[in-house]
Amino acid sequence: MFLQSYNYALCENSVEETVDHLFLHCGIAKDCWIWIGLVVPQSQGPFQVLADFRRQLNVPFFMEIIVLMCWSIWSVRNNLIFRNQEASVQHCKHIFRNVFGLVVLRAKKRYLPQISLWLEKLV
C-alpha cells in the first residue's frame, strides 16, 4: 500500500513505523513497559525480548500481561491517528487497567491471588 508517510505517529522524530519500534523502542512504549516493571533490552530481536519479558515477570500469566500491554500501546497509537486523542503513558495505563480488569474476571481461580498481588504493585 502506498502512503504519503510511513513515519511512526507517536514519535516526533522521523522514524519509520515498524513492529519493533511501535511496541518496544518508542519512548511511550518503553515507559509503559517500565511502568509494569519490565526493561526492554536494546540489542535483542522481538522473540528474545519476549523471552526476557517472561523471565522478568516470572508469573504464570505473563503472556496476558504482554499481550494486553501491546494492545494498550496499539490503542493509544490508533486513538491518536483516528480520534485525534493525545498519546500518553497515562492513557496507555488507563487502557491496560481497564482491559486487565476484564481478564481477571476470566482468570483461573488458582491465579487470582497472584494476579491481585501483581496488580497491587502497579502504581
PDB file of N, CA and C in Angstrom:
ATOM      1  N   MET A   1       0.837  -1.164   0.000  1.00  0.00           N
ATOM      2  CA  MET A   1       0.000   0.000   0.000  1.00  0.00           C
ATOM      3  C   MET A   1       0.890   1.238   0.000  1.00  0.00           C
ATOM      4  N   PHE A   2       0.569   2.167  -0.844  1.00  0.00           N
ATOM      5  CA  PHE A   2       1.326   3.402  -0.897  1.00  0.00           C
ATOM      6  C   PHE A   2       0.690   4.419   0.041  1.00  0.00           C
ATOM      7  N   LEU A   3       1.503   4.974   0.926  1.00  0.00           N
ATOM      8  CA  LEU A   3       1.058   6.008   1.843  1.00  0.00           C
ATOM      9  C   LEU A   3       1.942   7.238   1.673  1.00  0.00           C
ATOM     10  N   GLN A   4       1.424   8.386   2.074  1.00  0.00           N
ATOM     11  CA  GLN A   4       2.221   9.603   1.980  1.00  0.00           C
ATOM     12  C   GLN A   4       3.422   9.537   2.908  1.00  0.00           C
ATOM     13  N   SER A   5       3.255   8.868   4.048  1.00  0.00           N
ATOM     14  CA  SER A   5       4.346   8.765   5.005  1.00  0.00           C
ATOM     15  C   SER A   5       4.255   7.431   5.734  1.00  0.00           C
ATOM     16  N   TYR A   6       5.403   6.857   6.013  1.00  0.00           N
ATOM     17  CA  TYR A   6       5.473   5.620   6.788  1.00  0.00           C
ATOM     18  C   TYR A   6       6.054   5.898   8.174  1.00  0.00           C
ATOM     19  N   ASN A   7       6.114   7.156   8.547  1.00  0.00           N
ATOM     20  CA  ASN A   7       6.675   7.534   9.839  1.00  0.00           C
ATOM     21  C   ASN A   7       5.722   7.152  10.961  1.00  0.00           C
ATOM     22  N   TYR A   8       6.298   6.888  12.090  1.00  0.00           N
ATOM     23  CA  TYR A   8       5.561   6.465  13.256  1.00  0.00           C
ATOM     24  C   TYR A   8       4.855   7.659  13.873  1.00  0.00           C
ATOM     25  N   ALA A   9       3.576   7.513  14.143  1.00  0.00           N
ATOM     26  CA  ALA A   9       2.748   8.628  14.595  1.00  0.00           C
ATOM     27  C   ALA A   9       3.081   9.102  16.012  1.00  0.00           C
ATOM     28  N   LEU A  10       3.583   8.231  16.876  1.00  0.00           N
ATOM     29  CA  LEU A  10       3.822   8.610  18.266  1.00  0.00           C
ATOM     30  C   LEU A  10       5.158   9.291  18.491  1.00  0.00           C
ATOM     31  N   CYS A  11       6.030   9.269  17.506  1.00  0.00           N
ATOM     32  CA  CYS A  11       7.354   9.865  17.665  1.00  0.00           C
ATOM     33  C   CYS A  11       7.445  11.174  16.897  1.00  0.00           C
ATOM     34  N   GLU A  12       8.103  12.137  17.513  1.00  0.00           N
ATOM     35  CA  GLU A  12       8.309  13.419  16.849  1.00  0.00           C
ATOM     36  C   GLU A  12       9.398  13.311  15.796  1.00  0.00           C
ATOM     37  N   ASN A  13      10.333  12.384  15.995  1.00  0.00           N
ATOM     38  CA  ASN A  13      11.397  12.176  15.022  1.00  0.00           C
ATOM     39  C   ASN A  13      10.839  11.436  13.820  1.00  0.00           C
ATOM     40  N   SER A  14      11.499  11.559  12.703  1.00  0.00           N
ATOM     41  CA  SER A  14      11.077  10.850  11.500  1.00  0.00           C
ATOM     42  C   SER A  14      11.591   9.413  11.563  1.00  0.00           C
ATOM     43  N   VAL A  15      10.838   8.559  12.253  1.00  0.00           N
ATOM     44  CA  VAL A  15      11.200   7.162  12.423  1.00  0.00           C
ATOM     45  C   VAL A  15      10.151   6.325  11.720  1.00  0.00           C
ATOM     46  N   GLU A  16      10.598   5.404  10.874  1.00  0.00           N
ATOM     47  CA  GLU A  16       9.660   4.527  10.186  1.00  0.00           C
ATOM     48  C   GLU A  16       8.953   3.629  11.190  1.00  0.00           C
ATOM     49  N   GLU A  17       7.646   3.475  11.009  1.00  0.00           N
ATOM     50  CA  GLU A  17       6.880   2.632  11.913  1.00  0.00           C
ATOM     51  C   GLU A  17       7.143   1.163  11.606  1.00  0.00           C
ATOM     52  N   THR A  18       7.756   0.496  12.551  1.00  0.00           N
ATOM     53  CA  THR A  18       7.982  -0.943  12.465  1.00  0.00           C
ATOM     54  C   THR A  18       7.386  -1.574  13.715  1.00  0.00           C
ATOM     55  N   VAL A  19       7.200  -2.872  13.685  1.00  0.00           N
ATOM     56  CA  VAL A  19       6.671  -3.575  14.851  1.00  0.00           C
ATOM     57  C   VAL A  19       7.600  -3.381  16.044  1.00  0.00           C
ATOM     58  N   ASP A  20       8.898  -3.534  15.811  1.00  0.00           N
ATOM     59  CA  ASP A  20       9.873  -3.360  16.897  1.00  0.00           C
ATOM     60  C   ASP A  20       9.769  -1.968  17.517  1.00  0.00           C
ATOM     61  N   HIS A  21       9.731  -0.957  16.668  1.00  0.00           N
ATOM     62  CA  HIS A  21       9.700   0.408  17.195  1.00  0.00           C
ATOM     63  C   HIS A  21       8.378   0.682  17.917  1.00  0.00           C
ATOM     64  N   LEU A  22       7.277   0.310  17.292  1.00  0.00           N
ATOM     65  CA  LEU A  22       5.956   0.564  17.860  1.00  0.00           C
ATOM     66  C   LEU A  22       5.811  -0.024  19.251  1.00  0.00           C
ATOM     67  N   PHE A  23       6.150  -1.300  19.411  1.00  0.00           N
ATOM     68  CA  PHE A  23       5.878  -1.994  20.667  1.00  0.00           C
ATOM     69  C   PHE A  23       7.046  -2.031  21.654  1.00  0.00           C
ATOM     70  N   LEU A  24       8.266  -1.751  21.189  1.00  0.00           N
ATOM     71  CA  LEU A  24       9.411  -1.935  22.075  1.00  0.00           C
ATOM     72  C   LEU A  24      10.295  -0.708  22.262  1.00  0.00           C
ATOM     73  N   HIS A  25      10.559   0.054  21.203  1.00  0.00           N
ATOM     74  CA  HIS A  25      11.607   1.056  21.268  1.00  0.00           C
ATOM     75  C   HIS A  25      11.129   2.501  21.249  1.00  0.00           C
ATOM     76  N   CYS A  26       9.865   2.722  21.006  1.00  0.00           N
ATOM     77  CA  CYS A  26       9.314   4.079  21.088  1.00  0.00           C
ATOM     78  C   CYS A  26       9.360   4.530  22.545  1.00  0.00           C
ATOM     79  N   GLY A  27       9.544   5.810  22.771  1.00  0.00           N
ATOM     80  CA  GLY A  27       9.613   6.329  24.127  1.00  0.00           C
ATOM     81  C   GLY A  27       8.385   6.002  24.954  1.00  0.00           C
ATOM     82  N   ILE A  28       7.204   6.161  24.380  1.00  0.00           N
ATOM     83  CA  ILE A  28       5.973   5.846  25.114  1.00  0.00           C
ATOM     84  C   ILE A  28       5.925   4.360  25.442  1.00  0.00           C
ATOM     85  N   ALA A  29       6.257   3.517  24.479  1.00  0.00           N
ATOM     86  CA  ALA A  29       6.237   2.071  24.712  1.00  0.00           C
ATOM     87  C   ALA A  29       7.215   1.690  25.826  1.00  0.00           C
ATOM     88  N   LYS A  30       8.420   2.220  25.776  1.00  0.00           N
ATOM     89  CA  LYS A  30       9.405   1.914  26.819  1.00  0.00           C
ATOM     90  C   LYS A  30       8.890   2.311  28.194  1.00  0.00           C
ATOM     91  N   ASP A  31       8.306   3.511  28.290  1.00  0.00           N
ATOM     92  CA  ASP A  31       7.776   3.979  29.573  1.00  0.00           C
ATOM     93  C   ASP A  31       6.630   3.101  30.064  1.00  0.00           C
ATOM     94  N   CYS A  32       5.816   2.600  29.136  1.00  0.00           N
ATOM     95  CA  CYS A  32       4.716   1.711  29.518  1.00  0.00           C
ATOM     96  C   CYS A  32       5.254   0.385  30.050  1.00  0.00           C
ATOM     97  N   TRP A  33       6.280  -0.165  29.391  1.00  0.00           N
ATOM     98  CA  TRP A  33       6.887  -1.409  29.877  1.00  0.00           C
ATOM     99  C   TRP A  33       7.536  -1.194  31.241  1.00  0.00           C
ATOM    100  N   ILE A  34       8.198  -0.068  31.409  1.00  0.00           N
ATOM    101  CA  ILE A  34       8.829   0.238  32.703  1.00  0.00           C
ATOM    102  C   ILE A  34       7.777   0.318  33.795  1.00  0.00           C
ATOM    103  N   TRP A  35       6.624   0.891  33.481  1.00  0.00           N
ATOM    104  CA  TRP A  35       5.546   1.011  34.460  1.00  0.00           C
ATOM    105  C   TRP A  35       5.134  -0.352  35.025  1.00  0.00           C
ATOM    106  N   ILE A  36       5.162  -1.392  34.198  1.00  0.00           N
ATOM    107  CA  ILE A  36       4.800  -2.717  34.704  1.00  0.00           C
ATOM    108  C   ILE A  36       6.027  -3.513  35.146  1.00  0.00           C
ATOM    109  N   GLY A  37       7.167  -2.830  35.238  1.00  0.00           N
ATOM    110  CA  GLY A  37       8.368  -3.458  35.793  1.00  0.00           C
ATOM    111  C   GLY A  37       9.249  -4.174  34.803  1.00  0.00           C
ATOM    112  N   LEU A  38       9.128  -3.848  33.523  1.00  0.00           N
ATOM    113  CA  LEU A  38       9.930  -4.517  32.504  1.00  0.00           C
ATOM    114  C   LEU A  38      10.897  -3.549  31.842  1.00  0.00           C
ATOM    115  N   VAL A  39      12.100  -4.031  31.620  1.00  0.00           N
ATOM    116  CA  VAL A  39      13.113  -3.261  30.905  1.00  0.00           C
ATOM    117  C   VAL A  39      13.280  -3.897  29.532  1.00  0.00           C
ATOM    118  N   VAL A  40      13.180  -3.077  28.492  1.00  0.00           N
ATOM    119  CA  VAL A  40      13.311  -3.572  27.120  1.00  0.00           C
ATOM    120  C   VAL A  40      14.789  -3.640  26.764  1.00  0.00           C
ATOM    121  N   PRO A  41      15.312  -4.847  26.505  1.00  0.00           N
ATOM    122  CA  PRO A  41      16.711  -4.957  26.077  1.00  0.00           C
ATOM    123  C   PRO A  41      16.901  -4.305  24.709  1.00  0.00           C
ATOM    124  N   GLN A  42      17.998  -3.606  24.525  1.00  0.00           N
ATOM    125  CA  GLN A  42      18.226  -2.841  23.300  1.00  0.00           C
ATOM    126  C   GLN A  42      18.643  -3.667  22.092  1.00  0.00           C
ATOM    127  N   SER A  43      19.488  -4.628  22.298  1.00  0.00           N
ATOM    128  CA  SER A  43      20.120  -5.285  21.146  1.00  0.00           C
ATOM    129  C   SER A  43      19.579  -6.682  20.875  1.00  0.00           C
ATOM    130  N   GLN A  44      18.337  -6.940  21.265  1.00  0.00           N
ATOM    131  CA  GLN A  44      17.752  -8.251  21.032  1.00  0.00           C
ATOM    132  C   GLN A  44      16.604  -8.148  20.050  1.00  0.00           C
ATOM    133  N   GLY A  45      16.348  -9.255  19.355  1.00  0.00           N
ATOM    134  CA  GLY A  45      15.202  -9.324  18.465  1.00  0.00           C
ATOM    135  C   GLY A  45      13.919  -9.472  19.265  1.00  0.00           C
ATOM    136  N   PRO A  46      12.774  -9.341  18.603  1.00  0.00           N
ATOM    137  CA  PRO A  46      11.492  -9.369  19.328  1.00  0.00           C
ATOM    138  C   PRO A  46      11.235 -10.671  20.086  1.00  0.00           C
ATOM    139  N   PHE A  47      11.655 -11.811  19.537  1.00  0.00           N
ATOM    140  CA  PHE A  47      11.411 -13.074  20.230  1.00  0.00           C
ATOM    141  C   PHE A  47      12.282 -13.210  21.471  1.00  0.00           C
ATOM    142  N   GLN A  48      13.490 -12.699  21.396  1.00  0.00           N
ATOM    143  CA  GLN A  48      14.352 -12.714  22.575  1.00  0.00           C
ATOM    144  C   GLN A  48      13.817 -11.756  23.640  1.00  0.00           C
ATOM    145  N   VAL A  49      13.254 -10.633  23.196  1.00  0.00           N
ATOM    146  CA  VAL A  49      12.669  -9.680  24.144  1.00  0.00           C
ATOM    147  C   VAL A  49      11.491 -10.331  24.868  1.00  0.00           C
ATOM    148  N   LEU A  50      10.653 -11.054  24.128  1.00  0.00           N
ATOM    149  CA  LEU A  50       9.525 -11.736  24.766  1.00  0.00           C
ATOM    150  C   LEU A  50      10.008 -12.753  25.799  1.00  0.00           C
ATOM    151  N   ALA A  51      11.046 -13.500  25.450  1.00  0.00           N
ATOM    152  CA  ALA A  51      11.612 -14.469  26.402  1.00  0.00           C
ATOM    153  C   ALA A  51      12.164 -13.743  27.630  1.00  0.00           C
ATOM    154  N   ASP A  52      12.785 -12.593  27.408  1.00  0.00           N
ATOM    155  CA  ASP A  52      13.317 -11.813  28.516  1.00  0.00           C
ATOM    156  C   ASP A  52      12.179 -11.250  29.375  1.00  0.00           C
ATOM    157  N   PHE A  53      11.103 -10.786  28.750  1.00  0.00           N
ATOM    158  CA  PHE A  53       9.934 -10.313  29.494  1.00  0.00           C
ATOM    159  C   PHE A  53       9.371 -11.430  30.362  1.00  0.00           C
ATOM    160  N   ARG A  54       9.279 -12.621  29.806  1.00  0.00           N
ATOM    161  CA  ARG A  54       8.771 -13.769  30.562  1.00  0.00           C
ATOM    162  C   ARG A  54       9.622 -13.994  31.813  1.00  0.00           C
ATOM    163  N   ARG A  55      10.922 -13.933  31.626  1.00  0.00           N
ATOM    164  CA  ARG A  55      11.838 -14.131  32.749  1.00  0.00           C
ATOM    165  C   ARG A  55      11.682 -13.011  33.775  1.00  0.00           C
ATOM    166  N   GLN A  56      11.580 -11.775  33.311  1.00  0.00           N
ATOM    167  CA  GLN A  56      11.451 -10.634  34.221  1.00  0.00           C
ATOM    168  C   GLN A  56      10.141 -10.683  35.011  1.00  0.00           C
ATOM    169  N   LEU A  57       9.059 -11.060  34.344  1.00  0.00           N
ATOM    170  CA  LEU A  57       7.765 -11.104  35.022  1.00  0.00           C
ATOM    171  C   LEU A  57       7.681 -12.267  36.004  1.00  0.00           C
ATOM    172  N   ASN A  58       8.117 -13.426  35.564  1.00  0.00           N
ATOM    173  CA  ASN A  58       8.151 -14.621  36.407  1.00  0.00           C
ATOM    174  C   ASN A  58       6.795 -14.919  37.057  1.00  0.00           C
ATOM    175  N   VAL A  59       5.734 -14.824  36.256  1.00  0.00           N
ATOM    176  CA  VAL A  59       4.386 -15.184  36.696  1.00  0.00           C
ATOM    177  C   VAL A  59       3.751 -16.056  35.617  1.00  0.00           C
ATOM    178  N   PRO A  60       2.828 -16.948  35.993  1.00  0.00           N
ATOM    179  CA  PRO A  60       2.230 -17.841  35.006  1.00  0.00           C
ATOM    180  C   PRO A  60       1.341 -17.128  33.985  1.00  0.00           C
ATOM    181  N   PHE A  61       0.913 -15.926  34.274  1.00  0.00           N
ATOM    182  CA  PHE A  61       0.046 -15.169  33.373  1.00  0.00           C
ATOM    183  C   PHE A  61       0.836 -14.086  32.623  1.00  0.00           C
ATOM    184  N   PHE A  62       2.124 -14.346  32.393  1.00  0.00           N
ATOM    185  CA  PHE A  62       2.999 -13.367  31.728  1.00  0.00           C
ATOM    186  C   PHE A  62       2.498 -12.996  30.334  1.00  0.00           C
ATOM    187  N   MET A  63       1.965 -13.976  29.589  1.00  0.00           N
ATOM    188  CA  MET A  63       1.541 -13.704  28.210  1.00  0.00           C
ATOM    189  C   MET A  63       0.350 -12.746  28.197  1.00  0.00           C
ATOM    190  N   GLU A  64      -0.545 -12.874  29.142  1.00  0.00           N
ATOM    191  CA  GLU A  64      -1.670 -11.945  29.214  1.00  0.00           C
ATOM    192  C   GLU A  64      -1.180 -10.519  29.441  1.00  0.00           C
ATOM    193  N   ILE A  65      -0.188 -10.371  30.294  1.00  0.00           N
ATOM    194  CA  ILE A  65       0.375  -9.049  30.564  1.00  0.00           C
ATOM    195  C   ILE A  65       0.999  -8.467  29.299  1.00  0.00           C
ATOM    196  N   ILE A  66       1.798  -9.260  28.614  1.00  0.00           N
ATOM    197  CA  ILE A  66       2.485  -8.795  27.410  1.00  0.00           C
ATOM    198  C   ILE A  66       1.486  -8.434  26.314  1.00  0.00           C
ATOM    199  N   VAL A  67       0.519  -9.308  26.076  1.00  0.00           N
ATOM    200  CA  VAL A  67      -0.470  -9.054  25.025  1.00  0.00           C
ATOM    201  C   VAL A  67      -1.293  -7.815  25.351  1.00  0.00           C
ATOM    202  N   LEU A  68      -1.696  -7.669  26.608  1.00  0.00           N
ATOM    203  CA  LEU A  68      -2.509  -6.509  26.969  1.00  0.00           C
ATOM    204  C   LEU A  68      -1.731  -5.204  26.901  1.00  0.00           C
ATOM    205  N   MET A  69      -0.451  -5.243  27.213  1.00  0.00           N
ATOM    206  CA  MET A  69       0.331  -4.011  27.067  1.00  0.00           C
ATOM    207  C   MET A  69       0.493  -3.664  25.592  1.00  0.00           C
ATOM    208  N   CYS A  70       0.731  -4.665  24.763  1.00  0.00           N
ATOM    209  CA  CYS A  70       0.811  -4.396  23.321  1.00  0.00           C
ATOM    210  C   CYS A  70      -0.508  -3.821  22.812  1.00  0.00           C
ATOM    211  N   TRP A  71      -1.633  -4.387  23.260  1.00  0.00           N
ATOM    212  CA  TRP A  71      -2.947  -3.878  22.870  1.00  0.00           C
ATOM    213  C   TRP A  71      -3.115  -2.429  23.330  1.00  0.00           C
ATOM    214  N   SER A  72      -2.665  -2.129  24.535  1.00  0.00           N
ATOM    215  CA  SER A  72      -2.793  -0.769  25.065  1.00  0.00           C
ATOM    216  C   SER A  72      -1.975   0.225  24.240  1.00  0.00           C
ATOM    217  N   ILE A  73      -0.744  -0.159  23.898  1.00  0.00           N
ATOM    218  CA  ILE A  73       0.112   0.698  23.069  1.00  0.00           C
ATOM    219  C   ILE A  73      -0.532   0.901  21.695  1.00  0.00           C
ATOM    220  N   TRP A  74      -1.040  -0.176  21.114  1.00  0.00           N
ATOM    221  CA  TRP A  74      -1.704  -0.118  19.807  1.00  0.00           C
ATOM    222  C   TRP A  74      -2.932   0.799  19.872  1.00  0.00           C
ATOM    223  N   SER A  75      -3.691   0.701  20.939  1.00  0.00           N
ATOM    224  CA  SER A  75      -4.886   1.528  21.098  1.00  0.00           C
ATOM    225  C   SER A  75      -4.531   3.005  21.212  1.00  0.00           C
ATOM    226  N   VAL A  76      -3.479   3.315  21.965  1.00  0.00           N
ATOM    227  CA  VAL A  76      -3.035   4.707  22.092  1.00  0.00           C
ATOM    228  C   VAL A  76      -2.643   5.252  20.723  1.00  0.00           C
ATOM    229  N   ARG A  77      -1.905   4.457  19.961  1.00  0.00           N
ATOM    230  CA  ARG A  77      -1.493   4.859  18.607  1.00  0.00           C
ATOM    231  C   ARG A  77      -2.715   5.127  17.737  1.00  0.00           C
ATOM    232  N   ASN A  78      -3.674   4.192  17.739  1.00  0.00           N
ATOM    233  CA  ASN A  78      -4.855   4.340  16.896  1.00  0.00           C
ATOM    234  C   ASN A  78      -5.748   5.488  17.354  1.00  0.00           C
ATOM    235  N   ASN A  79      -5.840   5.697  18.659  1.00  0.00           N
ATOM    236  CA  ASN A  79      -6.632   6.823  19.154  1.00  0.00           C
ATOM    237  C   ASN A  79      -6.030   8.165  18.726  1.00  0.00           C
ATOM    238  N   LEU A  80      -4.718   8.232  18.639  1.00  0.00           N
ATOM    239  CA  LEU A  80      -4.073   9.443  18.131  1.00  0.00           C
ATOM    240  C   LEU A  80      -4.407   9.642  16.653  1.00  0.00           C
ATOM    241  N   ILE A  81      -4.257   8.596  15.877  1.00  0.00           N
ATOM    242  CA  ILE A  81      -4.450   8.702  14.424  1.00  0.00           C
ATOM    243  C   ILE A  81      -5.911   8.920  14.043  1.00  0.00           C
ATOM    244  N   PHE A  82      -6.814   8.119  14.631  1.00  0.00           N
ATOM    245  CA  PHE A  82      -8.196   8.118  14.170  1.00  0.00           C
ATOM    246  C   PHE A  82      -9.141   8.975  15.003  1.00  0.00           C
ATOM    247  N   ARG A  83      -8.762   9.310  16.242  1.00  0.00           N
ATOM    248  CA  ARG A  83      -9.641  10.102  17.099  1.00  0.00           C
ATOM    249  C   ARG A  83      -8.994  11.404  17.550  1.00  0.00           C
ATOM    250  N   ASN A  84      -7.761  11.609  17.110  1.00  0.00           N
ATOM    251  CA  ASN A  84      -7.011  12.815  17.456  1.00  0.00           C
ATOM    252  C   ASN A  84      -6.891  13.006  18.976  1.00  0.00           C
ATOM    253  N   GLN A  85      -6.789  11.881  19.716  1.00  0.00           N
ATOM    254  CA  GLN A  85      -6.585  11.936  21.162  1.00  0.00           C
ATOM    255  C   GLN A  85      -5.098  11.976  21.459  1.00  0.00           C
ATOM    256  N   GLU A  86      -4.737  12.731  22.464  1.00  0.00           N
ATOM    257  CA  GLU A  86      -3.329  12.850  22.833  1.00  0.00           C
ATOM    258  C   GLU A  86      -2.776  11.486  23.244  1.00  0.00           C
ATOM    259  N   ALA A  87      -1.605  11.169  22.734  1.00  0.00           N
ATOM    260  CA  ALA A  87      -0.927   9.925  23.087  1.00  0.00           C
ATOM    261  C   ALA A  87      -0.104  10.160  24.336  1.00  0.00           C
ATOM    262  N   SER A  88      -0.322   9.319  25.348  1.00  0.00           N
ATOM    263  CA  SER A  88       0.436   9.474  26.584  1.00  0.00           C
ATOM    264  C   SER A  88       0.539   8.130  27.294  1.00  0.00           C
ATOM    265  N   VAL A  89       1.500   8.068  28.188  1.00  0.00           N
ATOM    266  CA  VAL A  89       1.668   6.878  29.018  1.00  0.00           C
ATOM    267  C   VAL A  89       0.448   6.728  29.921  1.00  0.00           C
ATOM    268  N   GLN A  90      -0.079   7.832  30.422  1.00  0.00           N
ATOM    269  CA  GLN A  90      -1.267   7.782  31.278  1.00  0.00           C
ATOM    270  C   GLN A  90      -2.438   7.141  30.548  1.00  0.00           C
ATOM    271  N   HIS A  91      -2.619   7.491  29.304  1.00  0.00           N
ATOM    272  CA  HIS A  91      -3.701   6.914  28.501  1.00  0.00           C
ATOM    273  C   HIS A  91      -3.472   5.408  28.331  1.00  0.00           C
ATOM    274  N   CYS A  92      -2.246   5.022  28.101  1.00  0.00           N
ATOM    275  CA  CYS A  92      -1.901   3.611  27.954  1.00  0.00           C
ATOM    276  C   CYS A  92      -2.174   2.854  29.265  1.00  0.00           C
ATOM    277  N   LYS A  93      -1.803   3.446  30.387  1.00  0.00           N
ATOM    278  CA  LYS A  93      -2.061   2.832  31.698  1.00  0.00           C
ATOM    279  C   LYS A  93      -3.556   2.629  31.911  1.00  0.00           C
ATOM    280  N   HIS A  94      -4.337   3.629  31.556  1.00  0.00           N
ATOM    281  CA  HIS A  94      -5.789   3.570  31.717  1.00  0.00           C
ATOM    282  C   HIS A  94      -6.371   2.401  30.912  1.00  0.00           C
ATOM    283  N   ILE A  95      -5.962   2.276  29.675  1.00  0.00           N
ATOM    284  CA  ILE A  95      -6.445   1.188  28.822  1.00  0.00           C
ATOM    285  C   ILE A  95      -6.024  -0.157  29.414  1.00  0.00           C
ATOM    286  N   PHE A  96      -4.770  -0.255  29.820  1.00  0.00           N
ATOM    287  CA  PHE A  96      -4.253  -1.510  30.382  1.00  0.00           C
ATOM    288  C   PHE A  96      -5.060  -1.925  31.611  1.00  0.00           C
ATOM    289  N   ARG A  97      -5.263  -1.007  32.524  1.00  0.00           N
ATOM    290  CA  ARG A  97      -6.003  -1.325  33.757  1.00  0.00           C
ATOM    291  C   ARG A  97      -7.431  -1.779  33.445  1.00  0.00           C
ATOM    292  N   ASN A  98      -8.102  -1.068  32.544  1.00  0.00           N
ATOM    293  CA  ASN A  98      -9.484  -1.420  32.208  1.00  0.00           C
ATOM    294  C   ASN A  98      -9.574  -2.812  31.595  1.00  0.00           C
ATOM    295  N   VAL A  99      -8.719  -3.100  30.641  1.00  0.00           N
ATOM    296  CA  VAL A  99      -8.778  -4.393  29.972  1.00  0.00           C
ATOM    297  C   VAL A  99      -8.304  -5.505  30.902  1.00  0.00           C
ATOM    298  N   PHE A 100      -7.286  -5.235  31.706  1.00  0.00           N
ATOM    299  CA  PHE A 100      -6.807  -6.261  32.639  1.00  0.00           C
ATOM    300  C   PHE A 100      -7.891  -6.595  33.658  1.00  0.00           C
ATOM    301  N   GLY A 101      -8.687  -5.616  34.028  1.00  0.00           N
ATOM    302  CA  GLY A 101      -9.810  -5.871  34.924  1.00  0.00           C
ATOM    303  C   GLY A 101     -10.792  -6.868  34.347  1.00  0.00           C
ATOM    304  N   LEU A 102     -10.970  -6.840  33.034  1.00  0.00           N
ATOM    305  CA  LEU A 102     -11.846  -7.816  32.376  1.00  0.00           C
ATOM    306  C   LEU A 102     -11.196  -9.194  32.325  1.00  0.00           C
ATOM    307  N   VAL A 103      -9.897  -9.231  32.132  1.00  0.00           N
ATOM    308  CA  VAL A 103      -9.182 -10.504  32.094  1.00  0.00           C
ATOM    309  C   VAL A 103      -9.275 -11.207  33.445  1.00  0.00           C
ATOM    310  N   VAL A 104      -9.198 -10.440  34.510  1.00  0.00           N
ATOM    311  CA  VAL A 104      -9.276 -11.018  35.859  1.00  0.00           C
ATOM    312  C   VAL A 104     -10.586 -11.769  36.046  1.00  0.00           C
ATOM    313  N   LEU A 105     -11.651 -11.273  35.431  1.00  0.00           N
ATOM    314  CA  LEU A 105     -12.949 -11.943  35.556  1.00  0.00           C
ATOM    315  C   LEU A 105     -12.936 -13.343  34.964  1.00  0.00           C
ATOM    316  N   ARG A 106     -12.061 -13.584  33.989  1.00  0.00           N
ATOM    317  CA  ARG A 106     -11.996 -14.886  33.325  1.00  0.00           C
ATOM    318  C   ARG A 106     -10.790 -15.719  33.752  1.00  0.00           C
ATOM    319  N   ALA A 107     -10.026 -15.223  34.692  1.00  0.00           N
ATOM    320  CA  ALA A 107      -8.799 -15.912  35.107  1.00  0.00           C
ATOM    321  C   ALA A 107      -9.124 -17.164  35.915  1.00  0.00           C
ATOM    322  N   LYS A 108      -8.212 -18.109  35.849  1.00  0.00           N
ATOM    323  CA  LYS A 108      -8.342 -19.315  36.662  1.00  0.00           C
ATOM    324  C   LYS A 108      -8.246 -18.915  38.132  1.00  0.00           C
ATOM    325  N   LYS A 109      -9.091 -19.518  38.935  1.00  0.00           N
ATOM    326  CA  LYS A 109      -9.157 -19.146  40.354  1.00  0.00           C
ATOM    327  C   LYS A 109      -7.823 -19.318  41.067  1.00  0.00           C
ATOM    328  N   ARG A 110      -7.027 -20.284  40.664  1.00  0.00           N
ATOM    329  CA  ARG A 110      -5.743 -20.504  41.344  1.00  0.00           C
ATOM    330  C   ARG A 110      -4.752 -19.367  41.090  1.00  0.00           C
ATOM    331  N   TYR A 111      -4.973 -18.597  40.018  1.00  0.00           N
ATOM    332  CA  TYR A 111      -4.082 -17.476  39.710  1.00  0.00           C
ATOM    333  C   TYR A 111      -4.518 -16.165  40.347  1.00  0.00           C
ATOM    334  N   LEU A 112      -5.757 -16.095  40.835  1.00  0.00           N
ATOM    335  CA  LEU A 112      -6.294 -14.831  41.333  1.00  0.00           C
ATOM    336  C   LEU A 112      -5.458 -14.190  42.442  1.00  0.00           C
ATOM    337  N   PRO A 113      -4.991 -14.949  43.462  1.00  0.00           N
ATOM    338  CA  PRO A 113      -4.169 -14.283  44.485  1.00  0.00           C
ATOM    339  C   PRO A 113      -2.888 -13.683  43.906  1.00  0.00           C
ATOM    340  N   GLN A 114      -2.248 -14.404  43.009  1.00  0.00           N
ATOM    341  CA  GLN A 114      -1.003 -13.909  42.417  1.00  0.00           C
ATOM    342  C   GLN A 114      -1.272 -12.709  41.503  1.00  0.00           C
ATOM    343  N   ILE A 115      -2.381 -12.750  40.769  1.00  0.00           N
ATOM    344  CA  ILE A 115      -2.751 -11.617  39.908  1.00  0.00           C
ATOM    345  C   ILE A 115      -3.030 -10.397  40.770  1.00  0.00           C
ATOM    346  N   SER A 116      -3.766 -10.579  41.859  1.00  0.00           N
ATOM    347  CA  SER A 116      -4.076  -9.453  42.749  1.00  0.00           C
ATOM    348  C   SER A 116      -2.813  -8.836  43.321  1.00  0.00           C
ATOM    349  N   LEU A 117      -1.875  -9.665  43.746  1.00  0.00           N
ATOM    350  CA  LEU A 117      -0.600  -9.148  44.275  1.00  0.00           C
ATOM    351  C   LEU A 117       0.164  -8.376  43.212  1.00  0.00           C
ATOM    352  N   TRP A 118       0.180  -8.905  42.003  1.00  0.00           N
ATOM    353  CA  TRP A 118       0.888  -8.257  40.905  1.00  0.00           C
ATOM    354  C   TRP A 118       0.262  -6.897  40.592  1.00  0.00           C
ATOM    355  N   LEU A 119      -1.062  -6.859  40.556  1.00  0.00           N
ATOM    356  CA  LEU A 119      -1.764  -5.607  40.262  1.00  0.00           C
ATOM    357  C   LEU A 119      -1.547  -4.566  41.343  1.00  0.00           C
ATOM    358  N   GLU A 120      -1.463  -4.978  42.603  1.00  0.00           N
ATOM    359  CA  GLU A 120      -1.248  -4.036  43.699  1.00  0.00           C
ATOM    360  C   GLU A 120       0.104  -3.342  43.599  1.00  0.00           C
ATOM    361  N   LYS A 121       1.068  -3.998  42.960  1.00  0.00           N
ATOM    362  CA  LYS A 121       2.416  -3.410  42.827  1.00  0.00           C
ATOM    363  C   LYS A 121       2.437  -2.271  41.805  1.00  0.00           C
ATOM    364  N   LEU A 122       1.454  -2.262  40.897  1.00  0.00           N
ATOM    365  CA  LEU A 122       1.412  -1.194  39.890  1.00  0.00           C
ATOM    366  C   LEU A 122       0.996   0.107  40.557  1.00  0.00           C
ATOM    367  N   VAL A 123       1.683   1.154  40.227  1.00  0.00           N
ATOM    368  CA  VAL A 123       1.376   2.463  40.799  1.00  0.00           C
ATOM    369  C   VAL A 123       0.307   3.146  39.984  1.00  0.00           C
TER     370      VAL A 123
END
